[in-house]
Amino acid sequence: MSSSHCSNTSPCHGKSTWPELVGKPAMEAMLIMRRQNPFIDSIIFNSDQHHVYKDHCCNRVIAYIDHSPVSKIIKVPRLG
């Protein structure tokens, strides 16, 4: 799920980090993030922790996942 519109209006609205989701399955985390911040348009699940996103979007969450069958969150998801 992605959006072609990047909102980088500062300050960002709603919850911006989810440390409590580290270790949770990605699909469960996605539902929680969307419920806790209705301004989110897209969530990027990435297994490459070294990838850097050059733009910052207030309506996008970057979440890093492992390679397990259920893809668990391995780093604090945050707006970006």
C-alpha atoms as a PDB file:
ATOM      1  CA  MET A   1       0.000   0.000   0.000  1.00  0.00           C
ATOM      2  CA  SER A   2       1.494   3.248  -1.038  1.00  0.00           C
ATOM      3  CA  SER A   3       0.418   6.730  -1.828  1.00  0.00           C
ATOM      4  CA  SER A   4       1.675   9.026  -4.549  1.00  0.00           C
ATOM      5  CA  HIS A   5       1.072  12.069  -2.351  1.00  0.00           C
ATOM      6  CA  CYS A   6       3.731  12.816   0.248  1.00  0.00           C
ATOM      7  CA  SER A   7       2.606  15.099   3.020  1.00  0.00           C
ATOM      8  CA  ASN A   8       5.622  16.722   4.637  1.00  0.00           C
ATOM      9  CA  THR A   9       3.723  19.443   6.464  1.00  0.00           C
ATOM     10  CA  SER A  10       5.546  20.184   9.681  1.00  0.00           C
ATOM     11  CA  PRO A  11       4.786  19.372  12.382  1.00  0.00           C
ATOM     12  CA  CYS A  12       3.439  15.921  11.589  1.00  0.00           C
ATOM     13  CA  HIS A  13       0.055  15.097  13.120  1.00  0.00           C
ATOM     14  CA  GLY A  14      -0.826  12.108  15.253  1.00  0.00           C
ATOM     15  CA  LYS A  15       1.368   9.435  16.770  1.00  0.00           C
ATOM     16  CA  SER A  16       4.818   9.282  15.142  1.00  0.00           C
ATOM     17  CA  THR A  17       6.629   6.269  16.672  1.00  0.00           C
ATOM     18  CA  TRP A  18       5.539   2.830  17.853  1.00  0.00           C
ATOM     19  CA  PRO A  19       8.203   1.249  20.108  1.00  0.00           C
ATOM     20  CA  GLU A  20       5.603  -1.123  21.556  1.00  0.00           C
ATOM     21  CA  LEU A  21       5.289  -2.850  18.164  1.00  0.00           C
ATOM     22  CA  VAL A  22       8.844  -4.243  18.025  1.00  0.00           C
ATOM     23  CA  GLY A  23       8.489  -8.035  17.922  1.00  0.00           C
ATOM     24  CA  LYS A  24       4.874  -7.940  16.678  1.00  0.00           C
ATOM     25  CA  PRO A  25       3.816  -9.455  13.336  1.00  0.00           C
ATOM     26  CA  ALA A  26       3.803  -6.857  10.535  1.00  0.00           C
ATOM     27  CA  MET A  27       0.101  -7.230   9.686  1.00  0.00           C
ATOM     28  CA  GLU A  28      -0.941  -6.755  13.320  1.00  0.00           C
ATOM     29  CA  ALA A  29       1.380  -3.741  13.581  1.00  0.00           C
ATOM     30  CA  MET A  30      -0.117  -2.209  10.434  1.00  0.00           C
ATOM     31  CA  LEU A  31      -3.637  -2.334  11.872  1.00  0.00           C
ATOM     32  CA  ILE A  32      -2.477  -0.766  15.146  1.00  0.00           C
ATOM     33  CA  MET A  33      -0.550   2.054  13.424  1.00  0.00           C
ATOM     34  CA  ARG A  34      -3.473   2.917  11.151  1.00  0.00           C
ATOM     35  CA  ARG A  35      -5.881   2.922  14.114  1.00  0.00           C
ATOM     36  CA  GLN A  36      -3.586   5.124  16.225  1.00  0.00           C
ATOM     37  CA  ASN A  37      -2.784   7.630  13.457  1.00  0.00           C
ATOM     38  CA  PRO A  38      -5.556   8.243  10.908  1.00  0.00           C
ATOM     39  CA  PHE A  39      -3.271  10.562   8.895  1.00  0.00           C
ATOM     40  CA  ILE A  40      -1.193   7.605   7.635  1.00  0.00           C
ATOM     41  CA  ASP A  41      -1.691   6.878   3.930  1.00  0.00           C
ATOM     42  CA  SER A  42       1.060   4.281   3.464  1.00  0.00           C
ATOM     43  CA  ILE A  43       3.217   1.900   5.450  1.00  0.00           C
ATOM     44  CA  ILE A  44       6.452   0.637   3.935  1.00  0.00           C
ATOM     45  CA  PHE A  45       7.693  -2.690   5.261  1.00  0.00           C
ATOM     46  CA  ASN A  46      11.395  -3.031   4.489  1.00  0.00           C
ATOM     47  CA  SER A  47      13.807  -5.809   5.412  1.00  0.00           C
ATOM     48  CA  ASP A  48      16.886  -3.734   4.486  1.00  0.00           C
ATOM     49  CA  GLN A  49      17.787  -1.792   7.641  1.00  0.00           C
ATOM     50  CA  HIS A  50      20.460   0.123   5.743  1.00  0.00           C
ATOM     51  CA  HIS A  51      18.073   1.643   3.216  1.00  0.00           C
ATOM     52  CA  VAL A  52      17.666   5.395   3.750  1.00  0.00           C
ATOM     53  CA  TYR A  53      14.620   7.275   2.507  1.00  0.00           C
ATOM     54  CA  LYS A  54      15.623  10.673   1.137  1.00  0.00           C
ATOM     55  CA  ASP A  55      12.288  12.361   1.697  1.00  0.00           C
ATOM     56  CA  HIS A  56      10.262  12.632   4.881  1.00  0.00           C
ATOM     57  CA  CYS A  57       6.523  12.115   4.613  1.00  0.00           C
ATOM     58  CA  CYS A  58       4.218  12.792   7.548  1.00  0.00           C
ATOM     59  CA  ASN A  59       1.650  10.391   6.101  1.00  0.00           C
ATOM     60  CA  ARG A  60       4.039   7.448   5.646  1.00  0.00           C
ATOM     61  CA  VAL A  61       5.425   4.955   8.171  1.00  0.00           C
ATOM     62  CA  ILE A  62       8.696   3.099   7.673  1.00  0.00           C
ATOM     63  CA  ALA A  63       8.738  -0.268   9.440  1.00  0.00           C
ATOM     64  CA  TYR A  64      11.652  -2.712   9.291  1.00  0.00           C
ATOM     65  CA  ILE A  65      10.840  -6.421   9.351  1.00  0.00           C
ATOM     66  CA  ASP A  66      12.758  -9.669   9.636  1.00  0.00           C
ATOM     67  CA  HIS A  67      12.688 -12.573   7.187  1.00  0.00           C
ATOM     68  CA  SER A  68      10.567 -14.871   9.363  1.00  0.00           C
ATOM     69  CA  PRO A  69       7.380 -16.413   7.919  1.00  0.00           C
ATOM     70  CA  VAL A  70       5.217 -13.872   9.802  1.00  0.00           C
ATOM     71  CA  SER A  71       7.537 -10.869   9.158  1.00  0.00           C
ATOM     72  CA  LYS A  72       7.985  -9.411  12.631  1.00  0.00           C
ATOM     73  CA  ILE A  73       8.866  -5.779  13.317  1.00  0.00           C
ATOM     74  CA  ILE A  74      12.573  -5.503  14.277  1.00  0.00           C
ATOM     75  CA  LYS A  75      13.055  -1.736  14.614  1.00  0.00           C
ATOM     76  CA  VAL A  76      10.796   1.006  16.004  1.00  0.00           C
ATOM     77  CA  PRO A  77       8.349   2.023  13.246  1.00  0.00           C
ATOM     78  CA  ARG A  78       8.252   5.793  12.687  1.00  0.00           C
ATOM     79  CA  LEU A  79       6.806   8.407  10.407  1.00  0.00           C
ATOM     80  CA  GLY A  80       9.088   9.188   7.525  1.00  0.00           C
END
